[in-house]
Amino acid sequence: MKRGVTPERLVRGAAAWVLAALLTVPAAAASAQPGPNGGTDVQQVLRAAQGMGPATLKQSKDGPRMTADAGLIGYTVVFNGCDAAGRFCTHMVLETLWRDLALEDAVRWNQEWSGGRAYMDGDLLVLDHWVSLGGGMSDQALTELMDWWTYIMYEAQAQFYD
């Protein structure tokens, strides 16, 4: 049986996310500690991701990059706008790749969901989500973001493969 995304599930998921965001805005804003360029420490993001599963952070010539697993689904975090040490970054892109899918799957995702953006890159369907880290993000806000991203990935898996 194909679960898919029903309007009821979409409203329930969106309502839960909006409520959680509204309840945490004052706490998240109060405890954010931006770095010297206004960015968020990549170590904070790493800790939040590790709360969902294994995650590793590597520095490359293009800047920091994290690979992580949320259960059975792997994803990558690409950081941008980082300081010279690659520590404080102003934004990141959460990204996961799916095989054996078609453009129609990406189109359906984009029509039914506002979480993440789906597109085809060769024979891979990419689901990504851009996040601003510019004002600094609290540990709580990062944990909630990673929890939301995990939810989105599992919903995508259910839509694409069930």
Protein backbone atom coordinates (compact mmCIF):
# COMPACT_ATOMS: atom_id res chain seq x y z
CA MET A 1 0.00 0.00 0.00
CA LYS A 2 1.37 3.38 -0.97
CA ARG A 3 1.27 5.81 1.95
CA GLY A 4 2.04 8.99 0.08
CA VAL A 5 1.27 12.36 1.53
CA THR A 6 -2.36 13.04 2.24
CA PRO A 7 -3.59 16.55 2.93
CA GLU A 8 -4.30 15.48 6.51
CA ARG A 9 -0.72 14.26 7.06
CA LEU A 10 0.65 17.40 5.47
CA VAL A 11 -1.44 19.65 7.72
CA ARG A 12 -0.57 17.61 10.84
CA GLY A 13 3.16 17.69 10.04
CA ALA A 14 3.15 21.39 9.17
CA ALA A 15 1.07 22.30 12.22
CA ALA A 16 3.42 20.41 14.54
CA TRP A 17 6.47 22.09 13.01
CA VAL A 18 4.93 25.59 13.19
CA LEU A 19 3.85 25.07 16.80
CA ALA A 20 7.31 23.82 17.77
CA ALA A 21 8.94 26.76 15.99
CA LEU A 22 6.65 29.29 17.67
CA LEU A 23 7.25 27.81 21.11
CA THR A 24 11.03 27.84 20.73
CA VAL A 25 11.67 31.16 18.99
CA PRO A 26 12.31 33.15 22.19
CA ALA A 27 14.58 30.45 23.65
CA ALA A 28 16.42 29.90 20.39
CA ALA A 29 16.95 33.61 19.81
CA ALA A 30 18.13 34.21 23.37
CA SER A 31 20.80 31.50 23.41
CA ALA A 32 22.20 31.90 19.89
CA GLN A 33 25.90 32.76 19.95
CA PRO A 34 27.04 33.91 16.53
CA GLY A 35 30.68 33.79 15.59
CA PRO A 36 32.84 36.70 14.48
CA ASN A 37 31.26 36.81 11.01
CA GLY A 38 27.75 36.23 12.37
CA GLY A 39 27.78 32.52 11.53
CA THR A 40 27.16 29.38 13.53
CA ASP A 41 29.94 27.07 14.72
CA VAL A 42 30.01 23.90 12.58
CA GLN A 43 30.74 21.92 15.76
CA GLN A 44 27.27 22.89 17.02
CA VAL A 45 25.73 21.52 13.83
CA LEU A 46 27.81 18.35 14.16
CA ARG A 47 26.57 17.76 17.72
CA ALA A 48 22.95 18.27 16.63
CA ALA A 49 23.39 15.80 13.77
CA GLN A 50 25.05 13.27 16.08
CA GLY A 51 21.89 13.39 18.18
CA MET A 52 20.09 11.79 15.21
CA GLY A 53 22.83 9.27 14.34
CA PRO A 54 26.49 8.97 13.35
CA ALA A 55 28.02 12.09 11.78
CA THR A 56 31.52 13.16 10.78
CA LEU A 57 32.90 16.55 9.85
CA LYS A 58 35.76 17.01 7.39
CA GLN A 59 37.56 20.09 6.19
CA SER A 60 38.24 20.33 2.46
CA LYS A 61 39.63 23.02 0.20
CA ASP A 62 36.02 24.13 -0.38
CA GLY A 63 35.25 24.35 3.35
CA PRO A 64 33.69 22.08 5.94
CA ARG A 65 31.45 19.21 4.90
CA MET A 66 29.55 16.79 7.10
CA THR A 67 28.32 13.30 6.29
CA ALA A 68 25.70 11.78 8.55
CA ASP A 69 23.14 9.04 8.94
CA ALA A 70 19.66 9.34 10.39
CA GLY A 71 18.81 5.69 10.83
CA LEU A 72 19.01 4.08 7.41
CA ILE A 73 19.12 7.33 5.43
CA GLY A 74 22.42 9.08 4.79
CA TYR A 75 22.80 12.76 4.04
CA THR A 76 25.42 15.45 3.55
CA VAL A 77 25.68 18.96 4.95
CA VAL A 78 27.62 21.46 2.84
CA PHE A 79 28.65 24.61 4.72
CA ASN A 80 29.24 27.98 3.05
CA GLY A 81 30.18 31.49 4.08
CA CYS A 82 32.64 30.20 6.68
CA ASP A 83 35.46 32.11 8.35
CA ALA A 84 39.10 31.46 7.36
CA ALA A 85 39.34 28.61 9.88
CA GLY A 86 36.21 26.96 8.45
CA ARG A 87 34.52 27.19 11.81
CA PHE A 88 31.71 29.76 11.72
CA CYS A 89 29.46 29.52 8.65
CA THR A 90 26.58 31.72 7.50
CA HIS A 91 24.59 28.99 5.75
CA MET A 92 24.40 25.29 5.03
CA VAL A 93 22.64 22.96 2.63
CA LEU A 94 21.22 19.66 3.89
CA GLU A 95 21.19 17.16 1.03
CA THR A 96 20.24 13.52 0.44
CA LEU A 97 20.32 11.51 -2.78
CA TRP A 98 17.84 8.92 -4.05
CA ARG A 99 18.36 6.31 -6.78
CA ASP A 100 15.94 4.65 -9.21
CA LEU A 101 13.56 7.60 -9.35
CA ALA A 102 12.34 9.83 -12.15
CA LEU A 103 11.63 13.49 -12.77
CA GLU A 104 7.95 12.82 -12.03
CA ASP A 105 8.91 11.85 -8.46
CA ALA A 106 10.73 15.17 -7.99
CA VAL A 107 7.80 17.11 -9.46
CA ARG A 108 5.32 15.32 -7.19
CA TRP A 109 7.48 16.03 -4.11
CA ASN A 110 7.71 19.72 -4.98
CA GLN A 111 3.95 19.95 -5.55
CA GLU A 112 3.02 18.21 -2.29
CA TRP A 113 5.72 19.41 0.13
CA SER A 114 7.25 22.73 1.07
CA GLY A 115 10.02 20.99 3.04
CA GLY A 116 13.09 20.62 0.90
CA ARG A 117 13.43 20.94 -2.84
CA ALA A 118 13.65 17.93 -5.14
CA TYR A 119 15.41 17.92 -8.50
CA MET A 120 17.19 15.49 -10.80
CA ASP A 121 20.98 15.47 -11.11
CA GLY A 122 21.69 12.91 -13.79
CA ASP A 123 20.14 9.65 -12.61
CA LEU A 124 19.89 10.78 -8.97
CA LEU A 125 17.00 12.59 -7.33
CA VAL A 126 18.38 15.20 -4.94
CA LEU A 127 16.39 16.44 -1.96
CA ASP A 128 17.97 19.48 -0.38
CA HIS A 129 17.17 22.26 2.05
CA TRP A 130 19.05 25.55 2.43
CA VAL A 131 19.39 26.95 5.96
CA SER A 132 20.62 30.39 7.05
CA LEU A 133 23.00 30.28 10.00
CA GLY A 134 23.84 33.97 9.80
CA GLY A 135 22.63 35.22 13.15
CA GLY A 136 23.84 32.17 15.01
CA MET A 137 21.60 29.24 15.92
CA SER A 138 21.13 27.81 19.38
CA ASP A 139 21.75 24.16 20.17
CA GLN A 140 18.01 23.72 20.68
CA ALA A 141 17.15 25.26 17.30
CA LEU A 142 19.77 23.09 15.56
CA THR A 143 18.45 19.95 17.27
CA GLU A 144 14.91 20.79 16.15
CA LEU A 145 16.15 21.50 12.62
CA MET A 146 17.93 18.13 12.43
CA ASP A 147 14.85 16.40 13.82
CA TRP A 148 12.72 18.11 11.16
CA TRP A 149 15.20 17.15 8.42
CA THR A 150 15.09 13.52 9.58
CA TYR A 151 11.29 13.65 9.44
CA ILE A 152 11.39 15.08 5.91
CA MET A 153 13.82 12.40 4.71
CA TYR A 154 11.65 9.59 6.06
CA GLU A 155 8.53 11.14 4.52
CA ALA A 156 10.39 11.35 1.20
CA GLN A 157 11.42 7.71 1.48
CA ALA A 158 7.81 6.72 2.15
CA GLN A 159 6.54 8.77 -0.79
CA PHE A 160 9.22 7.58 -3.19
CA TYR A 161 9.41 3.89 -2.32
CA ASP A 162 6.25 2.71 -0.51
